[in-house]
Amino acid sequence: MEEEESKGVVKHIVLAKFKESVSEEEIQESIKQYANLVNLVPSMKAFSWGKDLSNENMQQGFTHVFESTFESTQGVAEYVSHPSHVEYATLLLSQLDNVIVVDYKPTPVRV
């Protein structure tokens, strides 16, 4: 990837479908641990999450969305290999039936 392309805000999106055996309390604890990565991983600048509320019935069982913000693709790479993320990802993946991860650079639209 060219240096210019690697700079600028990058969003890291995780769509999660938790296993039915995972309790709501366990999910909430997992979300708190995910949010705490902002304090542990220097390249992670922000975190937010939400629960699906669509009535379009197109979510394919995915119930939760997690969004992390980074200042560059290098920041995402640092996050992915950071020991705190590796440890947390192992826990989260053990709780999930399915997951989709997408990284993208937001593109402003001017009309």
C-alpha atoms as a PDB file:
ATOM      1  CA  MET A   1       0.000   0.000   0.000  1.00  0.00           C
ATOM      2  CA  GLU A   2       1.354   3.422  -0.879  1.00  0.00           C
ATOM      3  CA  GLU A   3       2.269   5.711   2.005  1.00  0.00           C
ATOM      4  CA  GLU A   4      -0.436   8.292   1.165  1.00  0.00           C
ATOM      5  CA  GLU A   5      -3.117   5.583   1.079  1.00  0.00           C
ATOM      6  CA  SER A   6      -2.078   4.332   4.518  1.00  0.00           C
ATOM      7  CA  LYS A   7      -2.655   7.734   6.171  1.00  0.00           C
ATOM      8  CA  GLY A   8      -5.987   9.122   7.324  1.00  0.00           C
ATOM      9  CA  VAL A   9      -8.788   7.842   9.513  1.00  0.00           C
ATOM     10  CA  VAL A  10      -9.546   4.131   9.271  1.00  0.00           C
ATOM     11  CA  LYS A  11     -12.651   2.496  10.737  1.00  0.00           C
ATOM     12  CA  HIS A  12     -12.464  -1.111  11.945  1.00  0.00           C
ATOM     13  CA  ILE A  13     -15.949  -2.656  11.943  1.00  0.00           C
ATOM     14  CA  VAL A  14     -16.851  -5.951  13.597  1.00  0.00           C
ATOM     15  CA  LEU A  15     -20.281  -7.534  13.064  1.00  0.00           C
ATOM     16  CA  ALA A  16     -20.871 -10.181  15.718  1.00  0.00           C
ATOM     17  CA  LYS A  17     -23.341 -12.998  16.229  1.00  0.00           C
ATOM     18  CA  PHE A  18     -22.985 -14.283  19.780  1.00  0.00           C
ATOM     19  CA  LYS A  19     -23.585 -17.945  20.596  1.00  0.00           C
ATOM     20  CA  GLU A  20     -26.947 -18.611  22.228  1.00  0.00           C
ATOM     21  CA  SER A  21     -25.082 -20.084  25.209  1.00  0.00           C
ATOM     22  CA  VAL A  22     -23.459 -16.712  25.981  1.00  0.00           C
ATOM     23  CA  SER A  23     -25.501 -14.821  28.597  1.00  0.00           C
ATOM     24  CA  GLU A  24     -26.393 -11.131  28.358  1.00  0.00           C
ATOM     25  CA  GLU A  25     -24.126 -10.509  31.372  1.00  0.00           C
ATOM     26  CA  GLU A  26     -21.220 -12.193  29.576  1.00  0.00           C
ATOM     27  CA  ILE A  27     -21.903 -10.095  26.473  1.00  0.00           C
ATOM     28  CA  GLN A  28     -21.925  -6.878  28.521  1.00  0.00           C
ATOM     29  CA  GLU A  29     -18.656  -7.849  30.222  1.00  0.00           C
ATOM     30  CA  SER A  30     -17.108  -8.641  26.849  1.00  0.00           C
ATOM     31  CA  ILE A  31     -18.173  -5.225  25.519  1.00  0.00           C
ATOM     32  CA  LYS A  32     -16.592  -3.497  28.528  1.00  0.00           C
ATOM     33  CA  GLN A  33     -13.350  -5.361  27.869  1.00  0.00           C
ATOM     34  CA  TYR A  34     -13.489  -4.393  24.185  1.00  0.00           C
ATOM     35  CA  ALA A  35     -14.050  -0.726  25.072  1.00  0.00           C
ATOM     36  CA  ASN A  36     -11.113  -0.847  27.507  1.00  0.00           C
ATOM     37  CA  LEU A  37      -8.746  -1.628  24.625  1.00  0.00           C
ATOM     38  CA  VAL A  38      -8.791   2.143  23.914  1.00  0.00           C
ATOM     39  CA  ASN A  39      -6.852   2.515  27.192  1.00  0.00           C
ATOM     40  CA  LEU A  40      -4.434  -0.311  26.395  1.00  0.00           C
ATOM     41  CA  VAL A  41      -3.674   0.036  22.673  1.00  0.00           C
ATOM     42  CA  PRO A  42      -2.183   3.463  21.786  1.00  0.00           C
ATOM     43  CA  SER A  43      -3.188   3.354  18.103  1.00  0.00           C
ATOM     44  CA  MET A  44      -6.897   2.787  18.942  1.00  0.00           C
ATOM     45  CA  LYS A  45      -8.390   6.282  19.136  1.00  0.00           C
ATOM     46  CA  ALA A  46     -12.105   5.586  19.714  1.00  0.00           C
ATOM     47  CA  PHE A  47     -14.621   2.783  20.216  1.00  0.00           C
ATOM     48  CA  SER A  48     -18.391   2.594  19.932  1.00  0.00           C
ATOM     49  CA  TRP A  49     -20.896  -0.192  19.644  1.00  0.00           C
ATOM     50  CA  GLY A  50     -24.558  -0.861  19.076  1.00  0.00           C
ATOM     51  CA  LYS A  51     -27.111  -3.618  18.922  1.00  0.00           C
ATOM     52  CA  ASP A  52     -29.071  -4.391  15.767  1.00  0.00           C
ATOM     53  CA  LEU A  53     -32.484  -2.750  15.676  1.00  0.00           C
ATOM     54  CA  SER A  54     -33.277  -3.064  11.979  1.00  0.00           C
ATOM     55  CA  ASN A  55     -36.699  -4.227  10.906  1.00  0.00           C
ATOM     56  CA  GLU A  56     -35.495  -5.053   7.371  1.00  0.00           C
ATOM     57  CA  ASN A  57     -34.615  -8.621   8.429  1.00  0.00           C
ATOM     58  CA  MET A  58     -31.339  -8.559   6.487  1.00  0.00           C
ATOM     59  CA  GLN A  59     -28.897  -8.859   9.429  1.00  0.00           C
ATOM     60  CA  GLN A  60     -28.352 -12.608   8.902  1.00  0.00           C
ATOM     61  CA  GLY A  61     -28.286 -13.223  12.666  1.00  0.00           C
ATOM     62  CA  PHE A  62     -25.662 -10.591  13.449  1.00  0.00           C
ATOM     63  CA  THR A  63     -26.726  -8.825  16.630  1.00  0.00           C
ATOM     64  CA  HIS A  64     -23.902  -6.450  17.568  1.00  0.00           C
ATOM     65  CA  VAL A  65     -21.743  -3.909  15.725  1.00  0.00           C
ATOM     66  CA  PHE A  66     -18.409  -2.690  17.098  1.00  0.00           C
ATOM     67  CA  GLU A  67     -16.551   0.260  15.573  1.00  0.00           C
ATOM     68  CA  SER A  68     -12.981   1.261  16.363  1.00  0.00           C
ATOM     69  CA  THR A  69     -11.227   4.318  14.954  1.00  0.00           C
ATOM     70  CA  PHE A  70      -7.568   4.552  13.981  1.00  0.00           C
ATOM     71  CA  GLU A  71      -5.474   7.314  12.393  1.00  0.00           C
ATOM     72  CA  SER A  72      -3.945   5.067   9.723  1.00  0.00           C
ATOM     73  CA  THR A  73      -3.769   1.551   8.328  1.00  0.00           C
ATOM     74  CA  GLN A  74      -0.502   1.225  10.269  1.00  0.00           C
ATOM     75  CA  GLY A  75      -2.495   1.958  13.439  1.00  0.00           C
ATOM     76  CA  VAL A  76      -4.861  -0.911  12.613  1.00  0.00           C
ATOM     77  CA  ALA A  77      -1.880  -3.214  12.035  1.00  0.00           C
ATOM     78  CA  GLU A  78      -0.407  -2.214  15.418  1.00  0.00           C
ATOM     79  CA  TYR A  79      -3.783  -2.884  17.065  1.00  0.00           C
ATOM     80  CA  VAL A  80      -4.196  -6.311  15.456  1.00  0.00           C
ATOM     81  CA  SER A  81      -0.788  -7.463  16.707  1.00  0.00           C
ATOM     82  CA  HIS A  82      -0.960  -5.790  20.143  1.00  0.00           C
ATOM     83  CA  PRO A  83      -0.906  -8.407  22.968  1.00  0.00           C
ATOM     84  CA  SER A  84      -3.995  -6.904  24.658  1.00  0.00           C
ATOM     85  CA  HIS A  85      -5.983  -7.186  21.413  1.00  0.00           C
ATOM     86  CA  VAL A  86      -4.721 -10.713  20.725  1.00  0.00           C
ATOM     87  CA  GLU A  87      -5.803 -11.828  24.212  1.00  0.00           C
ATOM     88  CA  TYR A  88      -9.213 -10.134  23.929  1.00  0.00           C
ATOM     89  CA  ALA A  89      -9.849 -11.387  20.377  1.00  0.00           C
ATOM     90  CA  THR A  90      -9.290 -14.969  21.553  1.00  0.00           C
ATOM     91  CA  LEU A  91     -11.967 -14.486  24.223  1.00  0.00           C
ATOM     92  CA  LEU A  92     -14.423 -12.730  21.893  1.00  0.00           C
ATOM     93  CA  LEU A  93     -14.067 -15.264  19.100  1.00  0.00           C
ATOM     94  CA  SER A  94     -14.799 -18.080  21.565  1.00  0.00           C
ATOM     95  CA  GLN A  95     -18.162 -16.389  22.295  1.00  0.00           C
ATOM     96  CA  LEU A  96     -19.223 -15.961  18.667  1.00  0.00           C
ATOM     97  CA  ASP A  97     -21.122 -18.119  16.201  1.00  0.00           C
ATOM     98  CA  ASN A  98     -20.139 -15.827  13.352  1.00  0.00           C
ATOM     99  CA  VAL A  99     -18.167 -12.640  12.735  1.00  0.00           C
ATOM    100  CA  ILE A 100     -17.413 -10.248   9.881  1.00  0.00           C
ATOM    101  CA  VAL A 101     -14.541  -7.767  10.090  1.00  0.00           C
ATOM    102  CA  VAL A 102     -14.162  -4.841   7.672  1.00  0.00           C
ATOM    103  CA  ASP A 103     -11.617  -2.009   7.678  1.00  0.00           C
ATOM    104  CA  TYR A 104     -12.333   1.049   5.559  1.00  0.00           C
ATOM    105  CA  LYS A 105     -11.392   4.687   5.072  1.00  0.00           C
ATOM    106  CA  PRO A 106     -14.476   6.919   5.313  1.00  0.00           C
ATOM    107  CA  THR A 107     -15.046   8.861   2.116  1.00  0.00           C
ATOM    108  CA  PRO A 108     -16.902  12.176   2.453  1.00  0.00           C
ATOM    109  CA  VAL A 109     -19.538  12.777  -0.172  1.00  0.00           C
ATOM    110  CA  ARG A 110     -20.153  16.282  -1.396  1.00  0.00           C
ATOM    111  CA  VAL A 111     -23.359  17.015  -3.196  1.00  0.00           C
END
